[in-house]
Amino acid sequence: MILSQVAQECLGQLHNTLVAKQYAKRTIRNYMQEMRFLFAHYHEIAPASISQQDIINYINFIINEHGVGREKCHQVAQSCSFFYKHVYPSAFIVPSAFYPRKTHKLPQSLPRSAGYLR
C-alpha cells in the first residue's frame, strides 16, 4: 500500500486523537483502516487536499469495484467525518451525505411447507 509521509503522519495524528478521546480499540482499528485505504487510493493527493467530491468518488468506487454494502459506506463516511472534524479540520458535510440510503425490502413469504399457512 502506497502512503506518502504526510499521509502516514496524518494517520499517526488520527490514532493519537482517537486514543485521547478514549474511543474503543475496534473503532480505532476501523477508522485507521478506512483512512489508510482512502489515503492509498488517493496517494497522489495530500490528505488536506482530498475534497468532498473525492470522498464521494471513492465511495462510488468501492461500491462498484468491490460490491460493498451500505454499512461499509457508512463506516468510510464516519471515518472521514471524524478525521476532517477532529484531526484535520476543514469544511466537511454531514457524513450521511456520503452513503446510500437504506433500502426497504419486503420480506420473503414463508413456504407452505413451513406449516404456517393452512
PDB file of N, CA and C in Angstrom:
ATOM      1  N   MET A   1       0.859  -1.172   0.000  1.00  0.00           N
ATOM      2  CA  MET A   1       0.000   0.000   0.000  1.00  0.00           C
ATOM      3  C   MET A   1       0.903   1.231   0.000  1.00  0.00           C
ATOM      4  N   ILE A   2       0.672   2.112  -0.938  1.00  0.00           N
ATOM      5  CA  ILE A   2       1.485   3.314  -1.087  1.00  0.00           C
ATOM      6  C   ILE A   2       0.900   4.436  -0.241  1.00  0.00           C
ATOM      7  N   LEU A   3       1.700   4.919   0.715  1.00  0.00           N
ATOM      8  CA  LEU A   3       1.281   6.056   1.534  1.00  0.00           C
ATOM      9  C   LEU A   3       2.420   7.059   1.600  1.00  0.00           C
ATOM     10  N   SER A   4       2.089   8.311   1.391  1.00  0.00           N
ATOM     11  CA  SER A   4       3.093   9.354   1.498  1.00  0.00           C
ATOM     12  C   SER A   4       3.464   9.570   2.959  1.00  0.00           C
ATOM     13  N   GLN A   5       4.560  10.255   3.176  1.00  0.00           N
ATOM     14  CA  GLN A   5       4.981  10.584   4.529  1.00  0.00           C
ATOM     15  C   GLN A   5       3.924  11.425   5.235  1.00  0.00           C
ATOM     16  N   VAL A   6       3.322  12.351   4.504  1.00  0.00           N
ATOM     17  CA  VAL A   6       2.280  13.214   5.071  1.00  0.00           C
ATOM     18  C   VAL A   6       1.077  12.367   5.494  1.00  0.00           C
ATOM     19  N   ALA A   7       0.682  11.415   4.651  1.00  0.00           N
ATOM     20  CA  ALA A   7      -0.450  10.547   4.972  1.00  0.00           C
ATOM     21  C   ALA A   7      -0.146   9.716   6.215  1.00  0.00           C
ATOM     22  N   GLN A   8       1.075   9.217   6.324  1.00  0.00           N
ATOM     23  CA  GLN A   8       1.464   8.442   7.499  1.00  0.00           C
ATOM     24  C   GLN A   8       1.419   9.293   8.760  1.00  0.00           C
ATOM     25  N   GLU A   9       1.848  10.535   8.651  1.00  0.00           N
ATOM     26  CA  GLU A   9       1.787  11.446   9.797  1.00  0.00           C
ATOM     27  C   GLU A   9       0.334  11.730  10.179  1.00  0.00           C
ATOM     28  N   CYS A  10      -0.530  11.893   9.190  1.00  0.00           N
ATOM     29  CA  CYS A  10      -1.954  12.118   9.459  1.00  0.00           C
ATOM     30  C   CYS A  10      -2.568  10.920  10.167  1.00  0.00           C
ATOM     31  N   LEU A  11      -2.182   9.717   9.761  1.00  0.00           N
ATOM     32  CA  LEU A  11      -2.683   8.512  10.431  1.00  0.00           C
ATOM     33  C   LEU A  11      -2.208   8.460  11.880  1.00  0.00           C
ATOM     34  N   GLY A  12      -0.980   8.880  12.118  1.00  0.00           N
ATOM     35  CA  GLY A  12      -0.474   8.946  13.487  1.00  0.00           C
ATOM     36  C   GLY A  12      -1.270   9.934  14.328  1.00  0.00           C
ATOM     37  N   GLN A  13      -1.582  11.072  13.751  1.00  0.00           N
ATOM     38  CA  GLN A  13      -2.395  12.077  14.449  1.00  0.00           C
ATOM     39  C   GLN A  13      -3.806  11.537  14.708  1.00  0.00           C
ATOM     40  N   LEU A  14      -4.355  10.839  13.716  1.00  0.00           N
ATOM     41  CA  LEU A  14      -5.678  10.232  13.886  1.00  0.00           C
ATOM     42  C   LEU A  14      -5.658   9.251  15.053  1.00  0.00           C
ATOM     43  N   HIS A  15      -4.671   8.386  15.084  1.00  0.00           N
ATOM     44  CA  HIS A  15      -4.561   7.402  16.161  1.00  0.00           C
ATOM     45  C   HIS A  15      -4.457   8.091  17.515  1.00  0.00           C
ATOM     46  N   ASN A  16      -3.591   9.082  17.625  1.00  0.00           N
ATOM     47  CA  ASN A  16      -3.422   9.797  18.894  1.00  0.00           C
ATOM     48  C   ASN A  16      -4.721  10.466  19.340  1.00  0.00           C
ATOM     49  N   THR A  17      -5.451  11.044  18.406  1.00  0.00           N
ATOM     50  CA  THR A  17      -6.707  11.717  18.735  1.00  0.00           C
ATOM     51  C   THR A  17      -7.755  10.717  19.205  1.00  0.00           C
ATOM     52  N   LEU A  18      -7.862   9.591  18.517  1.00  0.00           N
ATOM     53  CA  LEU A  18      -8.830   8.561  18.903  1.00  0.00           C
ATOM     54  C   LEU A  18      -8.522   8.002  20.294  1.00  0.00           C
ATOM     55  N   VAL A  19      -7.241   7.785  20.568  1.00  0.00           N
ATOM     56  CA  VAL A  19      -6.837   7.270  21.878  1.00  0.00           C
ATOM     57  C   VAL A  19      -7.132   8.310  22.960  1.00  0.00           C
ATOM     58  N   ALA A  20      -6.798   9.577  22.688  1.00  0.00           N
ATOM     59  CA  ALA A  20      -7.035  10.645  23.667  1.00  0.00           C
ATOM     60  C   ALA A  20      -8.520  10.805  23.975  1.00  0.00           C
ATOM     61  N   LYS A  21      -9.367  10.581  22.973  1.00  0.00           N
ATOM     62  CA  LYS A  21     -10.812  10.699  23.175  1.00  0.00           C
ATOM     63  C   LYS A  21     -11.423   9.401  23.701  1.00  0.00           C
ATOM     64  N   GLN A  22     -10.567   8.423  23.984  1.00  0.00           N
ATOM     65  CA  GLN A  22     -10.938   7.139  24.566  1.00  0.00           C
ATOM     66  C   GLN A  22     -11.949   6.351  23.734  1.00  0.00           C
ATOM     67  N   TYR A  23     -11.728   6.335  22.431  1.00  0.00           N
ATOM     68  CA  TYR A  23     -12.555   5.504  21.559  1.00  0.00           C
ATOM     69  C   TYR A  23     -12.178   4.037  21.777  1.00  0.00           C
ATOM     70  N   ALA A  24     -13.091   3.155  21.472  1.00  0.00           N
ATOM     71  CA  ALA A  24     -12.866   1.716  21.622  1.00  0.00           C
ATOM     72  C   ALA A  24     -11.774   1.250  20.661  1.00  0.00           C
ATOM     73  N   LYS A  25     -11.062   0.194  21.060  1.00  0.00           N
ATOM     74  CA  LYS A  25      -9.978  -0.339  20.219  1.00  0.00           C
ATOM     75  C   LYS A  25     -10.489  -0.729  18.835  1.00  0.00           C
ATOM     76  N   ARG A  26     -11.661  -1.291  18.785  1.00  0.00           N
ATOM     77  CA  ARG A  26     -12.243  -1.706  17.499  1.00  0.00           C
ATOM     78  C   ARG A  26     -12.533  -0.490  16.611  1.00  0.00           C
ATOM     79  N   THR A  27     -13.049   0.573  17.210  1.00  0.00           N
ATOM     80  CA  THR A  27     -13.319   1.798  16.458  1.00  0.00           C
ATOM     81  C   THR A  27     -12.016   2.386  15.941  1.00  0.00           C
ATOM     82  N   ILE A  28     -11.004   2.401  16.789  1.00  0.00           N
ATOM     83  CA  ILE A  28      -9.695   2.926  16.378  1.00  0.00           C
ATOM     84  C   ILE A  28      -9.181   2.128  15.192  1.00  0.00           C
ATOM     85  N   ARG A  29      -9.238   0.804  15.301  1.00  0.00           N
ATOM     86  CA  ARG A  29      -8.765  -0.047  14.204  1.00  0.00           C
ATOM     87  C   ARG A  29      -9.543   0.226  12.912  1.00  0.00           C
ATOM     88  N   ASN A  30     -10.873   0.314  13.020  1.00  0.00           N
ATOM     89  CA  ASN A  30     -11.700   0.532  11.834  1.00  0.00           C
ATOM     90  C   ASN A  30     -11.446   1.890  11.194  1.00  0.00           C
ATOM     91  N   TYR A  31     -11.407   2.947  11.997  1.00  0.00           N
ATOM     92  CA  TYR A  31     -11.165   4.287  11.449  1.00  0.00           C
ATOM     93  C   TYR A  31      -9.791   4.369  10.800  1.00  0.00           C
ATOM     94  N   MET A  32      -8.796   3.783  11.459  1.00  0.00           N
ATOM     95  CA  MET A  32      -7.436   3.796  10.901  1.00  0.00           C
ATOM     96  C   MET A  32      -7.405   3.061   9.559  1.00  0.00           C
ATOM     97  N   GLN A  33      -8.051   1.922   9.496  1.00  0.00           N
ATOM     98  CA  GLN A  33      -8.073   1.131   8.268  1.00  0.00           C
ATOM     99  C   GLN A  33      -8.758   1.889   7.131  1.00  0.00           C
ATOM    100  N   GLU A  34      -9.915   2.477   7.421  1.00  0.00           N
ATOM    101  CA  GLU A  34     -10.651   3.185   6.364  1.00  0.00           C
ATOM    102  C   GLU A  34      -9.874   4.384   5.843  1.00  0.00           C
ATOM    103  N   MET A  35      -9.234   5.118   6.744  1.00  0.00           N
ATOM    104  CA  MET A  35      -8.474   6.288   6.294  1.00  0.00           C
ATOM    105  C   MET A  35      -7.205   5.857   5.548  1.00  0.00           C
ATOM    106  N   ARG A  36      -6.604   4.747   5.972  1.00  0.00           N
ATOM    107  CA  ARG A  36      -5.432   4.215   5.256  1.00  0.00           C
ATOM    108  C   ARG A  36      -5.824   3.844   3.826  1.00  0.00           C
ATOM    109  N   PHE A  37      -6.982   3.201   3.658  1.00  0.00           N
ATOM    110  CA  PHE A  37      -7.455   2.835   2.322  1.00  0.00           C
ATOM    111  C   PHE A  37      -7.726   4.083   1.475  1.00  0.00           C
ATOM    112  N   LEU A  38      -8.369   5.083   2.087  1.00  0.00           N
ATOM    113  CA  LEU A  38      -8.662   6.324   1.358  1.00  0.00           C
ATOM    114  C   LEU A  38      -7.374   7.006   0.926  1.00  0.00           C
ATOM    115  N   PHE A  39      -6.414   7.130   1.842  1.00  0.00           N
ATOM    116  CA  PHE A  39      -5.147   7.792   1.519  1.00  0.00           C
ATOM    117  C   PHE A  39      -4.368   7.003   0.460  1.00  0.00           C
ATOM    118  N   ALA A  40      -4.444   5.691   0.510  1.00  0.00           N
ATOM    119  CA  ALA A  40      -3.767   4.873  -0.501  1.00  0.00           C
ATOM    120  C   ALA A  40      -4.432   5.040  -1.864  1.00  0.00           C
ATOM    121  N   HIS A  41      -5.753   5.122  -1.862  1.00  0.00           N
ATOM    122  CA  HIS A  41      -6.483   5.308  -3.121  1.00  0.00           C
ATOM    123  C   HIS A  41      -6.093   6.639  -3.765  1.00  0.00           C
ATOM    124  N   TYR A  42      -5.937   7.666  -2.945  1.00  0.00           N
ATOM    125  CA  TYR A  42      -5.550   8.992  -3.433  1.00  0.00           C
ATOM    126  C   TYR A  42      -4.103   9.298  -3.037  1.00  0.00           C
ATOM    127  N   HIS A  43      -3.209   8.336  -3.276  1.00  0.00           N
ATOM    128  CA  HIS A  43      -1.824   8.505  -2.846  1.00  0.00           C
ATOM    129  C   HIS A  43      -1.121   9.694  -3.498  1.00  0.00           C
ATOM    130  N   GLU A  44      -1.632  10.154  -4.624  1.00  0.00           N
ATOM    131  CA  GLU A  44      -1.018  11.291  -5.303  1.00  0.00           C
ATOM    132  C   GLU A  44      -1.542  12.636  -4.784  1.00  0.00           C
ATOM    133  N   ILE A  45      -2.541  12.590  -3.894  1.00  0.00           N
ATOM    134  CA  ILE A  45      -3.141  13.810  -3.345  1.00  0.00           C
ATOM    135  C   ILE A  45      -2.834  13.878  -1.850  1.00  0.00           C
ATOM    136  N   ALA A  46      -2.438  15.039  -1.370  1.00  0.00           N
ATOM    137  CA  ALA A  46      -2.217  15.227   0.066  1.00  0.00           C
ATOM    138  C   ALA A  46      -3.548  15.094   0.800  1.00  0.00           C
ATOM    139  N   PRO A  47      -3.558  14.505   1.993  1.00  0.00           N
ATOM    140  CA  PRO A  47      -4.811  14.348   2.739  1.00  0.00           C
ATOM    141  C   PRO A  47      -5.582  15.659   2.899  1.00  0.00           C
ATOM    142  N   ALA A  48      -4.879  16.767   3.050  1.00  0.00           N
ATOM    143  CA  ALA A  48      -5.552  18.064   3.206  1.00  0.00           C
ATOM    144  C   ALA A  48      -6.273  18.483   1.934  1.00  0.00           C
ATOM    145  N   SER A  49      -5.874  17.925   0.810  1.00  0.00           N
ATOM    146  CA  SER A  49      -6.464  18.305  -0.474  1.00  0.00           C
ATOM    147  C   SER A  49      -7.573  17.370  -0.933  1.00  0.00           C
ATOM    148  N   ILE A  50      -7.836  16.326  -0.188  1.00  0.00           N
ATOM    149  CA  ILE A  50      -8.923  15.413  -0.558  1.00  0.00           C
ATOM    150  C   ILE A  50     -10.240  16.136  -0.307  1.00  0.00           C
ATOM    151  N   SER A  51     -11.031  16.231  -1.345  1.00  0.00           N
ATOM    152  CA  SER A  51     -12.273  17.007  -1.289  1.00  0.00           C
ATOM    153  C   SER A  51     -13.478  16.118  -1.005  1.00  0.00           C
ATOM    154  N   GLN A  52     -14.584  16.780  -0.762  1.00  0.00           N
ATOM    155  CA  GLN A  52     -15.845  16.059  -0.578  1.00  0.00           C
ATOM    156  C   GLN A  52     -16.138  15.221  -1.822  1.00  0.00           C
ATOM    157  N   GLN A  53     -15.922  15.785  -2.991  1.00  0.00           N
ATOM    158  CA  GLN A  53     -16.186  15.045  -4.227  1.00  0.00           C
ATOM    159  C   GLN A  53     -15.258  13.837  -4.342  1.00  0.00           C
ATOM    160  N   ASP A  54     -14.012  13.958  -3.885  1.00  0.00           N
ATOM    161  CA  ASP A  54     -13.096  12.813  -3.890  1.00  0.00           C
ATOM    162  C   ASP A  54     -13.632  11.689  -3.008  1.00  0.00           C
ATOM    163  N   ILE A  55     -14.174  12.041  -1.853  1.00  0.00           N
ATOM    164  CA  ILE A  55     -14.714  11.034  -0.942  1.00  0.00           C
ATOM    165  C   ILE A  55     -15.935  10.364  -1.572  1.00  0.00           C
ATOM    166  N   ILE A  56     -16.795  11.139  -2.187  1.00  0.00           N
ATOM    167  CA  ILE A  56     -17.953  10.570  -2.880  1.00  0.00           C
ATOM    168  C   ILE A  56     -17.502   9.640  -3.999  1.00  0.00           C
ATOM    169  N   ASN A  57     -16.502  10.063  -4.766  1.00  0.00           N
ATOM    170  CA  ASN A  57     -15.971   9.218  -5.838  1.00  0.00           C
ATOM    171  C   ASN A  57     -15.379   7.924  -5.282  1.00  0.00           C
ATOM    172  N   TYR A  58     -14.696   8.024  -4.148  1.00  0.00           N
ATOM    173  CA  TYR A  58     -14.114   6.834  -3.520  1.00  0.00           C
ATOM    174  C   TYR A  58     -15.215   5.866  -3.075  1.00  0.00           C
ATOM    175  N   ILE A  59     -16.263   6.386  -2.462  1.00  0.00           N
ATOM    176  CA  ILE A  59     -17.366   5.522  -2.028  1.00  0.00           C
ATOM    177  C   ILE A  59     -18.024   4.857  -3.234  1.00  0.00           C
ATOM    178  N   ASN A  60     -18.211   5.604  -4.312  1.00  0.00           N
ATOM    179  CA  ASN A  60     -18.757   5.001  -5.532  1.00  0.00           C
ATOM    180  C   ASN A  60     -17.813   3.937  -6.077  1.00  0.00           C
ATOM    181  N   PHE A  61     -16.518   4.169  -5.983  1.00  0.00           N
ATOM    182  CA  PHE A  61     -15.516   3.203  -6.432  1.00  0.00           C
ATOM    183  C   PHE A  61     -15.634   1.894  -5.645  1.00  0.00           C
ATOM    184  N   ILE A  62     -15.693   1.988  -4.316  1.00  0.00           N
ATOM    185  CA  ILE A  62     -15.752   0.744  -3.536  1.00  0.00           C
ATOM    186  C   ILE A  62     -17.092   0.024  -3.712  1.00  0.00           C
ATOM    187  N   ILE A  63     -18.144   0.770  -3.987  1.00  0.00           N
ATOM    188  CA  ILE A  63     -19.436   0.135  -4.272  1.00  0.00           C
ATOM    189  C   ILE A  63     -19.366  -0.611  -5.597  1.00  0.00           C
ATOM    190  N   ASN A  64     -18.882   0.064  -6.631  1.00  0.00           N
ATOM    191  CA  ASN A  64     -18.863  -0.517  -7.979  1.00  0.00           C
ATOM    192  C   ASN A  64     -17.780  -1.566  -8.178  1.00  0.00           C
ATOM    193  N   GLU A  65     -16.599  -1.349  -7.629  1.00  0.00           N
ATOM    194  CA  GLU A  65     -15.481  -2.266  -7.864  1.00  0.00           C
ATOM    195  C   GLU A  65     -15.419  -3.416  -6.861  1.00  0.00           C
ATOM    196  N   HIS A  66     -15.862  -3.159  -5.644  1.00  0.00           N
ATOM    197  CA  HIS A  66     -15.740  -4.170  -4.599  1.00  0.00           C
ATOM    198  C   HIS A  66     -17.085  -4.676  -4.093  1.00  0.00           C
ATOM    199  N   GLY A  67     -18.174  -4.076  -4.559  1.00  0.00           N
ATOM    200  CA  GLY A  67     -19.508  -4.543  -4.193  1.00  0.00           C
ATOM    201  C   GLY A  67     -19.838  -4.400  -2.719  1.00  0.00           C
ATOM    202  N   VAL A  68     -19.287  -3.382  -2.071  1.00  0.00           N
ATOM    203  CA  VAL A  68     -19.547  -3.206  -0.638  1.00  0.00           C
ATOM    204  C   VAL A  68     -20.973  -2.721  -0.412  1.00  0.00           C
ATOM    205  N   GLY A  69     -21.457  -2.933   0.786  1.00  0.00           N
ATOM    206  CA  GLY A  69     -22.814  -2.544   1.132  1.00  0.00           C
ATOM    207  C   GLY A  69     -22.878  -1.223   1.872  1.00  0.00           C
ATOM    208  N   ARG A  70     -24.072  -0.926   2.318  1.00  0.00           N
ATOM    209  CA  ARG A  70     -24.352   0.340   2.993  1.00  0.00           C
ATOM    210  C   ARG A  70     -23.524   0.505   4.260  1.00  0.00           C
ATOM    211  N   GLU A  71     -23.350  -0.564   5.031  1.00  0.00           N
ATOM    212  CA  GLU A  71     -22.613  -0.469   6.298  1.00  0.00           C
ATOM    213  C   GLU A  71     -21.163  -0.080   6.074  1.00  0.00           C
ATOM    214  N   LYS A  72     -20.544  -0.635   5.049  1.00  0.00           N
ATOM    215  CA  LYS A  72     -19.152  -0.280   4.734  1.00  0.00           C
ATOM    216  C   LYS A  72     -19.079   1.188   4.327  1.00  0.00           C
ATOM    217  N   CYS A  73     -20.017   1.642   3.521  1.00  0.00           N
ATOM    218  CA  CYS A  73     -20.059   3.047   3.113  1.00  0.00           C
ATOM    219  C   CYS A  73     -20.235   3.950   4.329  1.00  0.00           C
ATOM    220  N   HIS A  74     -21.082   3.533   5.245  1.00  0.00           N
ATOM    221  CA  HIS A  74     -21.310   4.280   6.478  1.00  0.00           C
ATOM    222  C   HIS A  74     -20.013   4.378   7.282  1.00  0.00           C
ATOM    223  N   GLN A  75     -19.289   3.281   7.365  1.00  0.00           N
ATOM    224  CA  GLN A  75     -18.032   3.259   8.108  1.00  0.00           C
ATOM    225  C   GLN A  75     -17.001   4.196   7.477  1.00  0.00           C
ATOM    226  N   VAL A  76     -16.910   4.190   6.168  1.00  0.00           N
ATOM    227  CA  VAL A  76     -15.995   5.106   5.469  1.00  0.00           C
ATOM    228  C   VAL A  76     -16.397   6.548   5.761  1.00  0.00           C
ATOM    229  N   ALA A  77     -17.677   6.844   5.642  1.00  0.00           N
ATOM    230  CA  ALA A  77     -18.163   8.209   5.871  1.00  0.00           C
ATOM    231  C   ALA A  77     -17.896   8.668   7.298  1.00  0.00           C
ATOM    232  N   GLN A  78     -18.136   7.801   8.267  1.00  0.00           N
ATOM    233  CA  GLN A  78     -17.898   8.167   9.664  1.00  0.00           C
ATOM    234  C   GLN A  78     -16.411   8.397   9.925  1.00  0.00           C
ATOM    235  N   SER A  79     -15.572   7.574   9.334  1.00  0.00           N
ATOM    236  CA  SER A  79     -14.125   7.727   9.494  1.00  0.00           C
ATOM    237  C   SER A  79     -13.665   9.054   8.918  1.00  0.00           C
ATOM    238  N   CYS A  80     -14.149   9.382   7.730  1.00  0.00           N
ATOM    239  CA  CYS A  80     -13.795  10.648   7.089  1.00  0.00           C
ATOM    240  C   CYS A  80     -14.311  11.828   7.912  1.00  0.00           C
ATOM    241  N   SER A  81     -15.516  11.687   8.412  1.00  0.00           N
ATOM    242  CA  SER A  81     -16.114  12.744   9.213  1.00  0.00           C
ATOM    243  C   SER A  81     -15.259  13.029  10.441  1.00  0.00           C
ATOM    244  N   PHE A  82     -14.869  11.989  11.139  1.00  0.00           N
ATOM    245  CA  PHE A  82     -14.049  12.177  12.337  1.00  0.00           C
ATOM    246  C   PHE A  82     -12.719  12.824  11.976  1.00  0.00           C
ATOM    247  N   PHE A  83     -12.070  12.285  10.956  1.00  0.00           N
ATOM    248  CA  PHE A  83     -10.755  12.801  10.573  1.00  0.00           C
ATOM    249  C   PHE A  83     -10.821  14.276  10.197  1.00  0.00           C
ATOM    250  N   TYR A  84     -11.790  14.648   9.363  1.00  0.00           N
ATOM    251  CA  TYR A  84     -11.851  16.024   8.869  1.00  0.00           C
ATOM    252  C   TYR A  84     -12.538  16.986   9.843  1.00  0.00           C
ATOM    253  N   LYS A  85     -13.044  16.477  10.950  1.00  0.00           N
ATOM    254  CA  LYS A  85     -13.572  17.357  12.000  1.00  0.00           C
ATOM    255  C   LYS A  85     -12.568  17.535  13.129  1.00  0.00           C
ATOM    256  N   HIS A  86     -11.896  16.444  13.512  1.00  0.00           N
ATOM    257  CA  HIS A  86     -11.080  16.463  14.718  1.00  0.00           C
ATOM    258  C   HIS A  86      -9.579  16.450  14.477  1.00  0.00           C
ATOM    259  N   VAL A  87      -9.122  15.900  13.385  1.00  0.00           N
ATOM    260  CA  VAL A  87      -7.684  15.785  13.144  1.00  0.00           C
ATOM    261  C   VAL A  87      -7.206  16.847  12.165  1.00  0.00           C
ATOM    262  N   TYR A  88      -7.903  16.981  11.073  1.00  0.00           N
ATOM    263  CA  TYR A  88      -7.523  17.935  10.038  1.00  0.00           C
ATOM    264  C   TYR A  88      -8.741  18.780   9.704  1.00  0.00           C
ATOM    265  N   PRO A  89      -9.114  19.685  10.608  1.00  0.00           N
ATOM    266  CA  PRO A  89     -10.369  20.424  10.431  1.00  0.00           C
ATOM    267  C   PRO A  89     -10.489  21.106   9.068  1.00  0.00           C
ATOM    268  N   SER A  90     -11.635  20.886   8.464  1.00  0.00           N
ATOM    269  CA  SER A  90     -11.941  21.520   7.181  1.00  0.00           C
ATOM    270  C   SER A  90     -13.463  21.567   7.040  1.00  0.00           C
ATOM    271  N   ALA A  91     -13.906  22.303   6.050  1.00  0.00           N
ATOM    272  CA  ALA A  91     -15.345  22.352   5.785  1.00  0.00           C
ATOM    273  C   ALA A  91     -15.759  20.955   5.338  1.00  0.00           C
ATOM    274  N   PHE A  92     -16.616  20.356   6.102  1.00  0.00           N
ATOM    275  CA  PHE A  92     -16.986  18.972   5.824  1.00  0.00           C
ATOM    276  C   PHE A  92     -18.480  18.819   6.003  1.00  0.00           C
ATOM    277  N   ILE A  93     -19.101  18.154   5.077  1.00  0.00           N
ATOM    278  CA  ILE A  93     -20.539  17.945   5.091  1.00  0.00           C
ATOM    279  C   ILE A  93     -20.872  16.759   6.010  1.00  0.00           C
ATOM    280  N   VAL A  94     -22.073  16.739   6.506  1.00  0.00           N
ATOM    281  CA  VAL A  94     -22.534  15.647   7.364  1.00  0.00           C
ATOM    282  C   VAL A  94     -22.279  14.307   6.670  1.00  0.00           C
ATOM    283  N   PRO A  95     -21.770  13.314   7.389  1.00  0.00           N
ATOM    284  CA  PRO A  95     -21.406  12.057   6.743  1.00  0.00           C
ATOM    285  C   PRO A  95     -22.552  11.336   6.048  1.00  0.00           C
ATOM    286  N   SER A  96     -23.782  11.533   6.498  1.00  0.00           N
ATOM    287  CA  SER A  96     -24.898  10.835   5.854  1.00  0.00           C
ATOM    288  C   SER A  96     -25.045  11.243   4.392  1.00  0.00           C
ATOM    289  N   ALA A  97     -24.440  12.360   4.012  1.00  0.00           N
ATOM    290  CA  ALA A  97     -24.474  12.776   2.609  1.00  0.00           C
ATOM    291  C   ALA A  97     -23.621  11.856   1.747  1.00  0.00           C
ATOM    292  N   PHE A  98     -22.786  11.040   2.373  1.00  0.00           N
ATOM    293  CA  PHE A  98     -21.844  10.213   1.627  1.00  0.00           C
ATOM    294  C   PHE A  98     -22.241   8.767   1.435  1.00  0.00           C
ATOM    295  N   TYR A  99     -23.219   8.280   2.153  1.00  0.00           N
ATOM    296  CA  TYR A  99     -23.519   6.867   1.984  1.00  0.00           C
ATOM    297  C   TYR A  99     -24.948   6.650   1.544  1.00  0.00           C
ATOM    298  N   PRO A 100     -25.187   5.516   0.901  1.00  0.00           N
ATOM    299  CA  PRO A 100     -26.505   5.258   0.310  1.00  0.00           C
ATOM    300  C   PRO A 100     -27.600   5.172   1.361  1.00  0.00           C
ATOM    301  N   ARG A 101     -28.778   5.551   0.935  1.00  0.00           N
ATOM    302  CA  ARG A 101     -29.948   5.437   1.813  1.00  0.00           C
ATOM    303  C   ARG A 101     -30.253   3.964   2.040  1.00  0.00           C
ATOM    304  N   LYS A 102     -30.861   3.689   3.154  1.00  0.00           N
ATOM    305  CA  LYS A 102     -31.240   2.318   3.469  1.00  0.00           C
ATOM    306  C   LYS A 102     -32.355   1.887   2.530  1.00  0.00           C
ATOM    307  N   THR A 103     -32.198   0.704   1.979  1.00  0.00           N
ATOM    308  CA  THR A 103     -33.232   0.191   1.088  1.00  0.00           C
ATOM    309  C   THR A 103     -34.222  -0.610   1.922  1.00  0.00           C
ATOM    310  N   HIS A 104     -35.463  -0.515   1.557  1.00  0.00           N
ATOM    311  CA  HIS A 104     -36.520  -1.248   2.254  1.00  0.00           C
ATOM    312  C   HIS A 104     -36.974  -2.388   1.358  1.00  0.00           C
ATOM    313  N   LYS A 105     -36.682  -3.581   1.812  1.00  0.00           N
ATOM    314  CA  LYS A 105     -37.059  -4.767   1.053  1.00  0.00           C
ATOM    315  C   LYS A 105     -38.189  -5.468   1.770  1.00  0.00           C
ATOM    316  N   LEU A 106     -39.127  -5.942   0.998  1.00  0.00           N
ATOM    317  CA  LEU A 106     -40.220  -6.712   1.571  1.00  0.00           C
ATOM    318  C   LEU A 106     -39.695  -8.091   1.965  1.00  0.00           C
ATOM    319  N   PRO A 107     -40.168  -8.629   3.084  1.00  0.00           N
ATOM    320  CA  PRO A 107     -39.709  -9.960   3.482  1.00  0.00           C
ATOM    321  C   PRO A 107     -40.219 -11.012   2.507  1.00  0.00           C
ATOM    322  N   GLN A 108     -39.445 -12.071   2.396  1.00  0.00           N
ATOM    323  CA  GLN A 108     -39.882 -13.162   1.539  1.00  0.00           C
ATOM    324  C   GLN A 108     -41.026 -13.887   2.235  1.00  0.00           C
ATOM    325  N   SER A 109     -41.952 -14.378   1.449  1.00  0.00           N
ATOM    326  CA  SER A 109     -43.084 -15.098   2.044  1.00  0.00           C
ATOM    327  C   SER A 109     -42.621 -16.471   2.514  1.00  0.00           C
ATOM    328  N   LEU A 110     -43.316 -16.982   3.502  1.00  0.00           N
ATOM    329  CA  LEU A 110     -42.977 -18.294   4.034  1.00  0.00           C
ATOM    330  C   LEU A 110     -43.524 -19.372   3.103  1.00  0.00           C
ATOM    331  N   PRO A 111     -42.775 -20.441   2.934  1.00  0.00           N
ATOM    332  CA  PRO A 111     -43.280 -21.527   2.087  1.00  0.00           C
ATOM    333  C   PRO A 111     -44.427 -22.260   2.762  1.00  0.00           C
ATOM    334  N   ARG A 112     -45.342 -22.800   1.968  1.00  0.00           N
ATOM    335  CA  ARG A 112     -46.494 -23.527   2.518  1.00  0.00           C
ATOM    336  C   ARG A 112     -46.043 -24.705   3.381  1.00  0.00           C
ATOM    337  N   SER A 113     -44.931 -25.306   3.045  1.00  0.00           N
ATOM    338  CA  SER A 113     -44.473 -26.490   3.771  1.00  0.00           C
ATOM    339  C   SER A 113     -44.003 -26.137   5.181  1.00  0.00           C
ATOM    340  N   ALA A 114     -43.872 -24.875   5.490  1.00  0.00           N
ATOM    341  CA  ALA A 114     -43.422 -24.484   6.833  1.00  0.00           C
ATOM    342  C   ALA A 114     -44.494 -24.708   7.883  1.00  0.00           C
ATOM    343  N   GLY A 115     -45.719 -24.973   7.476  1.00  0.00           N
ATOM    344  CA  GLY A 115     -46.775 -25.244   8.413  1.00  0.00           C
ATOM    345  C   GLY A 115     -47.463 -23.994   8.942  1.00  0.00           C
ATOM    346  N   TYR A 116     -47.055 -22.828   8.479  1.00  0.00           N
ATOM    347  CA  TYR A 116     -47.650 -21.595   8.969  1.00  0.00           C
ATOM    348  C   TYR A 116     -48.916 -21.230   8.203  1.00  0.00           C
ATOM    349  N   LEU A 117     -49.003 -21.691   6.990  1.00  0.00           N
ATOM    350  CA  LEU A 117     -50.159 -21.355   6.163  1.00  0.00           C
ATOM    351  C   LEU A 117     -51.049 -22.606   6.077  1.00  0.00           C
ATOM    352  N   ARG A 118     -52.314 -22.435   6.321  1.00  0.00           N
ATOM    353  CA  ARG A 118     -53.228 -23.590   6.274  1.00  0.00           C
ATOM    354  C   ARG A 118     -54.374 -23.284   5.369  1.00  0.00           C
TER     355      ARG A 118
END
